[in-house]
Amino acid sequence: MISASQFGKVFRTSSRYANDNVGMACVLLITLFAFTLMISDRAKSWRLLLGVMTKPT
């Protein structure tokens, strides 16, 4: 588990690179993944992340 201060530091660092769409997508992925880690167990979060990444659009 990561603490709120660590997450804030990572988010601020990531947001510097969010000028383009790729950077913004990375920030959103990091945010969603960190959020699922906070509310769920690790294995379920990994299954959810893999499901999102492999889901056809």
PDB file of N, CA and C in Angstrom:
ATOM      1  N   MET A   1       0.846  -1.197   0.000  1.00  0.00           N
ATOM      2  CA  MET A   1       0.000   0.000   0.000  1.00  0.00           C
ATOM      3  C   MET A   1       0.884   1.251   0.000  1.00  0.00           C
ATOM      4  N   ILE A   2       0.439   2.252  -0.723  1.00  0.00           N
ATOM      5  CA  ILE A   2       1.173   3.513  -0.742  1.00  0.00           C
ATOM      6  C   ILE A   2       0.424   4.539   0.101  1.00  0.00           C
ATOM      7  N   SER A   3       1.175   5.435   0.712  1.00  0.00           N
ATOM      8  CA  SER A   3       0.542   6.450   1.535  1.00  0.00           C
ATOM      9  C   SER A   3       0.053   7.603   0.657  1.00  0.00           C
ATOM     10  N   ALA A   4      -0.793   8.435   1.242  1.00  0.00           N
ATOM     11  CA  ALA A   4      -1.355   9.552   0.489  1.00  0.00           C
ATOM     12  C   ALA A   4      -0.265  10.529   0.060  1.00  0.00           C
ATOM     13  N   SER A   5       0.745  10.749   0.923  1.00  0.00           N
ATOM     14  CA  SER A   5       1.808  11.691   0.581  1.00  0.00           C
ATOM     15  C   SER A   5       2.658  11.165  -0.576  1.00  0.00           C
ATOM     16  N   GLN A   6       2.933   9.854  -0.571  1.00  0.00           N
ATOM     17  CA  GLN A   6       3.682   9.275  -1.687  1.00  0.00           C
ATOM     18  C   GLN A   6       2.888   9.399  -2.982  1.00  0.00           C
ATOM     19  N   PHE A   7       1.579   9.112  -2.910  1.00  0.00           N
ATOM     20  CA  PHE A   7       0.729   9.217  -4.091  1.00  0.00           C
ATOM     21  C   PHE A   7       0.704  10.650  -4.610  1.00  0.00           C
ATOM     22  N   GLY A   8       0.616  11.614  -3.705  1.00  0.00           N
ATOM     23  CA  GLY A   8       0.606  13.018  -4.103  1.00  0.00           C
ATOM     24  C   GLY A   8       1.893  13.406  -4.814  1.00  0.00           C
ATOM     25  N   LYS A   9       3.016  12.920  -4.300  1.00  0.00           N
ATOM     26  CA  LYS A   9       4.308  13.219  -4.903  1.00  0.00           C
ATOM     27  C   LYS A   9       4.389  12.644  -6.317  1.00  0.00           C
ATOM     28  N   VAL A  10       3.972  11.378  -6.450  1.00  0.00           N
ATOM     29  CA  VAL A  10       3.981  10.738  -7.769  1.00  0.00           C
ATOM     30  C   VAL A  10       3.049  11.469  -8.724  1.00  0.00           C
ATOM     31  N   PHE A  11       1.860  11.853  -8.234  1.00  0.00           N
ATOM     32  CA  PHE A  11       0.888  12.518  -9.098  1.00  0.00           C
ATOM     33  C   PHE A  11       1.405  13.872  -9.566  1.00  0.00           C
ATOM     34  N   ARG A  12       2.025  14.640  -8.664  1.00  0.00           N
ATOM     35  CA  ARG A  12       2.559  15.951  -9.063  1.00  0.00           C
ATOM     36  C   ARG A  12       3.672  15.784 -10.085  1.00  0.00           C
ATOM     37  N   THR A  13       4.538  14.773  -9.881  1.00  0.00           N
ATOM     38  CA  THR A  13       5.609  14.525 -10.839  1.00  0.00           C
ATOM     39  C   THR A  13       5.033  14.125 -12.189  1.00  0.00           C
ATOM     40  N   SER A  14       4.021  13.259 -12.174  1.00  0.00           N
ATOM     41  CA  SER A  14       3.426  12.783 -13.413  1.00  0.00           C
ATOM     42  C   SER A  14       2.717  13.909 -14.145  1.00  0.00           C
ATOM     43  N   SER A  15       2.079  14.801 -13.407  1.00  0.00           N
ATOM     44  CA  SER A  15       1.293  15.848 -14.042  1.00  0.00           C
ATOM     45  C   SER A  15       2.176  16.819 -14.822  1.00  0.00           C
ATOM     46  N   ARG A  16       3.472  16.857 -14.510  1.00  0.00           N
ATOM     47  CA  ARG A  16       4.377  17.707 -15.287  1.00  0.00           C
ATOM     48  C   ARG A  16       4.468  17.231 -16.731  1.00  0.00           C
ATOM     49  N   TYR A  17       4.268  15.918 -16.932  1.00  0.00           N
ATOM     50  CA  TYR A  17       4.403  15.351 -18.263  1.00  0.00           C
ATOM     51  C   TYR A  17       3.051  15.155 -18.942  1.00  0.00           C
ATOM     52  N   ALA A  18       2.002  15.721 -18.367  1.00  0.00           N
ATOM     53  CA  ALA A  18       0.657  15.506 -18.891  1.00  0.00           C
ATOM     54  C   ALA A  18       0.277  16.545 -19.947  1.00  0.00           C
ATOM     55  N   ASN A  19       1.259  17.142 -20.603  1.00  0.00           N
ATOM     56  CA  ASN A  19       0.972  18.153 -21.608  1.00  0.00           C
ATOM     57  C   ASN A  19       0.379  17.551 -22.870  1.00  0.00           C
ATOM     58  N   ASP A  20       0.740  16.314 -23.171  1.00  0.00           N
ATOM     59  CA  ASP A  20       0.202  15.651 -24.362  1.00  0.00           C
ATOM     60  C   ASP A  20      -0.740  14.531 -23.947  1.00  0.00           C
ATOM     61  N   ASN A  21      -1.408  13.948 -24.937  1.00  0.00           N
ATOM     62  CA  ASN A  21      -2.415  12.925 -24.650  1.00  0.00           C
ATOM     63  C   ASN A  21      -1.809  11.682 -24.019  1.00  0.00           C
ATOM     64  N   VAL A  22      -0.603  11.319 -24.447  1.00  0.00           N
ATOM     65  CA  VAL A  22       0.047  10.132 -23.878  1.00  0.00           C
ATOM     66  C   VAL A  22       0.331  10.343 -22.397  1.00  0.00           C
ATOM     67  N   GLY A  23       0.846  11.505 -22.060  1.00  0.00           N
ATOM     68  CA  GLY A  23       1.130  11.823 -20.669  1.00  0.00           C
ATOM     69  C   GLY A  23      -0.140  11.808 -19.825  1.00  0.00           C
ATOM     70  N   MET A  24      -1.220  12.371 -20.392  1.00  0.00           N
ATOM     71  CA  MET A  24      -2.485  12.408 -19.659  1.00  0.00           C
ATOM     72  C   MET A  24      -3.011  10.993 -19.443  1.00  0.00           C
ATOM     73  N   ALA A  25      -2.889  10.145 -20.453  1.00  0.00           N
ATOM     74  CA  ALA A  25      -3.340   8.755 -20.311  1.00  0.00           C
ATOM     75  C   ALA A  25      -2.554   8.037 -19.219  1.00  0.00           C
ATOM     76  N   CYS A  26      -1.240   8.291 -19.167  1.00  0.00           N
ATOM     77  CA  CYS A  26      -0.403   7.665 -18.139  1.00  0.00           C
ATOM     78  C   CYS A  26      -0.822   8.132 -16.748  1.00  0.00           C
ATOM     79  N   VAL A  27      -1.089   9.424 -16.605  1.00  0.00           N
ATOM     80  CA  VAL A  27      -1.516   9.959 -15.310  1.00  0.00           C
ATOM     81  C   VAL A  27      -2.828   9.317 -14.886  1.00  0.00           C
ATOM     82  N   LEU A  28      -3.762   9.190 -15.838  1.00  0.00           N
ATOM     83  CA  LEU A  28      -5.056   8.587 -15.510  1.00  0.00           C
ATOM     84  C   LEU A  28      -4.895   7.127 -15.126  1.00  0.00           C
ATOM     85  N   LEU A  29      -4.037   6.404 -15.850  1.00  0.00           N
ATOM     86  CA  LEU A  29      -3.807   4.996 -15.527  1.00  0.00           C
ATOM     87  C   LEU A  29      -3.200   4.849 -14.136  1.00  0.00           C
ATOM     88  N   ILE A  30      -2.200   5.691 -13.820  1.00  0.00           N
ATOM     89  CA  ILE A  30      -1.564   5.641 -12.500  1.00  0.00           C
ATOM     90  C   ILE A  30      -2.594   5.939 -11.412  1.00  0.00           C
ATOM     91  N   THR A  31      -3.434   6.949 -11.665  1.00  0.00           N
ATOM     92  CA  THR A  31      -4.449   7.327 -10.683  1.00  0.00           C
ATOM     93  C   THR A  31      -5.436   6.193 -10.451  1.00  0.00           C
ATOM     94  N   LEU A  32      -5.940   5.616 -11.554  1.00  0.00           N
ATOM     95  CA  LEU A  32      -6.914   4.530 -11.433  1.00  0.00           C
ATOM     96  C   LEU A  32      -6.303   3.321 -10.741  1.00  0.00           C
ATOM     97  N   PHE A  33      -5.067   2.979 -11.098  1.00  0.00           N
ATOM     98  CA  PHE A  33      -4.424   1.816 -10.509  1.00  0.00           C
ATOM     99  C   PHE A  33      -4.174   2.024  -9.012  1.00  0.00           C
ATOM    100  N   ALA A  34      -3.709   3.213  -8.650  1.00  0.00           N
ATOM    101  CA  ALA A  34      -3.474   3.504  -7.234  1.00  0.00           C
ATOM    102  C   ALA A  34      -4.791   3.456  -6.460  1.00  0.00           C
ATOM    103  N   PHE A  35      -5.854   3.967  -7.065  1.00  0.00           N
ATOM    104  CA  PHE A  35      -7.157   3.967  -6.403  1.00  0.00           C
ATOM    105  C   PHE A  35      -7.652   2.545  -6.191  1.00  0.00           C
ATOM    106  N   THR A  36      -7.508   1.685  -7.203  1.00  0.00           N
ATOM    107  CA  THR A  36      -7.963   0.302  -7.043  1.00  0.00           C
ATOM    108  C   THR A  36      -7.113  -0.419  -6.003  1.00  0.00           C
ATOM    109  N   LEU A  37      -5.829  -0.098  -5.907  1.00  0.00           N
ATOM    110  CA  LEU A  37      -4.994  -0.709  -4.868  1.00  0.00           C
ATOM    111  C   LEU A  37      -5.481  -0.314  -3.481  1.00  0.00           C
ATOM    112  N   MET A  38      -5.943   0.918  -3.350  1.00  0.00           N
ATOM    113  CA  MET A  38      -6.392   1.393  -2.037  1.00  0.00           C
ATOM    114  C   MET A  38      -7.673   0.692  -1.600  1.00  0.00           C
ATOM    115  N   ILE A  39      -8.581   0.396  -2.542  1.00  0.00           N
ATOM    116  CA  ILE A  39      -9.894  -0.121  -2.158  1.00  0.00           C
ATOM    117  C   ILE A  39      -9.999  -1.621  -2.339  1.00  0.00           C
ATOM    118  N   SER A  40      -8.946  -2.268  -2.807  1.00  0.00           N
ATOM    119  CA  SER A  40      -9.055  -3.672  -3.157  1.00  0.00           C
ATOM    120  C   SER A  40      -7.766  -4.402  -2.835  1.00  0.00           C
ATOM    121  N   ASP A  41      -7.842  -5.726  -2.847  1.00  0.00           N
ATOM    122  CA  ASP A  41      -6.623  -6.501  -2.648  1.00  0.00           C
ATOM    123  C   ASP A  41      -5.810  -6.504  -3.935  1.00  0.00           C
ATOM    124  N   ARG A  42      -4.525  -6.808  -3.815  1.00  0.00           N
ATOM    125  CA  ARG A  42      -3.604  -6.687  -4.931  1.00  0.00           C
ATOM    126  C   ARG A  42      -3.983  -7.572  -6.116  1.00  0.00           C
ATOM    127  N   ALA A  43      -4.323  -8.828  -5.861  1.00  0.00           N
ATOM    128  CA  ALA A  43      -4.618  -9.745  -6.956  1.00  0.00           C
ATOM    129  C   ALA A  43      -5.823  -9.267  -7.765  1.00  0.00           C
ATOM    130  N   LYS A  44      -6.859  -8.803  -7.063  1.00  0.00           N
ATOM    131  CA  LYS A  44      -8.050  -8.334  -7.753  1.00  0.00           C
ATOM    132  C   LYS A  44      -7.726  -7.092  -8.584  1.00  0.00           C
ATOM    133  N   SER A  45      -6.880  -6.215  -8.056  1.00  0.00           N
ATOM    134  CA  SER A  45      -6.505  -5.015  -8.778  1.00  0.00           C
ATOM    135  C   SER A  45      -5.750  -5.354 -10.058  1.00  0.00           C
ATOM    136  N   TRP A  46      -4.837  -6.341  -9.966  1.00  0.00           N
ATOM    137  CA  TRP A  46      -4.087  -6.730 -11.162  1.00  0.00           C
ATOM    138  C   TRP A  46      -5.006  -7.323 -12.205  1.00  0.00           C
ATOM    139  N   ARG A  47      -5.982  -8.152 -11.777  1.00  0.00           N
ATOM    140  CA  ARG A  47      -6.931  -8.721 -12.734  1.00  0.00           C
ATOM    141  C   ARG A  47      -7.758  -7.622 -13.382  1.00  0.00           C
ATOM    142  N   LEU A  48      -8.159  -6.633 -12.588  1.00  0.00           N
ATOM    143  CA  LEU A  48      -8.942  -5.528 -13.108  1.00  0.00           C
ATOM    144  C   LEU A  48      -8.117  -4.711 -14.107  1.00  0.00           C
ATOM    145  N   LEU A  49      -6.865  -4.420 -13.758  1.00  0.00           N
ATOM    146  CA  LEU A  49      -6.001  -3.644 -14.631  1.00  0.00           C
ATOM    147  C   LEU A  49      -5.762  -4.374 -15.946  1.00  0.00           C
ATOM    148  N   LEU A  50      -5.463  -5.677 -15.854  1.00  0.00           N
ATOM    149  CA  LEU A  50      -5.246  -6.458 -17.063  1.00  0.00           C
ATOM    150  C   LEU A  50      -6.513  -6.516 -17.899  1.00  0.00           C
ATOM    151  N   GLY A  51      -7.663  -6.625 -17.248  1.00  0.00           N
ATOM    152  CA  GLY A  51      -8.933  -6.654 -17.965  1.00  0.00           C
ATOM    153  C   GLY A  51      -9.171  -5.357 -18.721  1.00  0.00           C
ATOM    154  N   VAL A  52      -8.852  -4.232 -18.088  1.00  0.00           N
ATOM    155  CA  VAL A  52      -9.032  -2.932 -18.735  1.00  0.00           C
ATOM    156  C   VAL A  52      -8.074  -2.786 -19.915  1.00  0.00           C
ATOM    157  N   MET A  53      -6.823  -3.235 -19.725  1.00  0.00           N
ATOM    158  CA  MET A  53      -5.818  -3.072 -20.775  1.00  0.00           C
ATOM    159  C   MET A  53      -6.097  -3.970 -21.975  1.00  0.00           C
ATOM    160  N   THR A  54      -6.694  -5.150 -21.738  1.00  0.00           N
ATOM    161  CA  THR A  54      -6.908  -6.091 -22.835  1.00  0.00           C
ATOM    162  C   THR A  54      -8.328  -6.023 -23.387  1.00  0.00           C
ATOM    163  N   LYS A  55      -9.178  -5.215 -22.759  1.00  0.00           N
ATOM    164  CA  LYS A  55     -10.566  -5.105 -23.227  1.00  0.00           C
ATOM    165  C   LYS A  55     -10.598  -4.399 -24.584  1.00  0.00           C
ATOM    166  N   PRO A  56     -11.245  -4.981 -25.581  1.00  0.00           N
ATOM    167  CA  PRO A  56     -11.353  -4.306 -26.886  1.00  0.00           C
ATOM    168  C   PRO A  56     -12.209  -3.053 -26.773  1.00  0.00           C
ATOM    169  N   THR A  57     -11.836  -2.021 -27.471  1.00  0.00           N
ATOM    170  CA  THR A  57     -12.572  -0.757 -27.390  1.00  0.00           C
ATOM    171  C   THR A  57     -13.733  -0.759 -28.361  1.00  0.00           C
TER     172      THR A  57
END
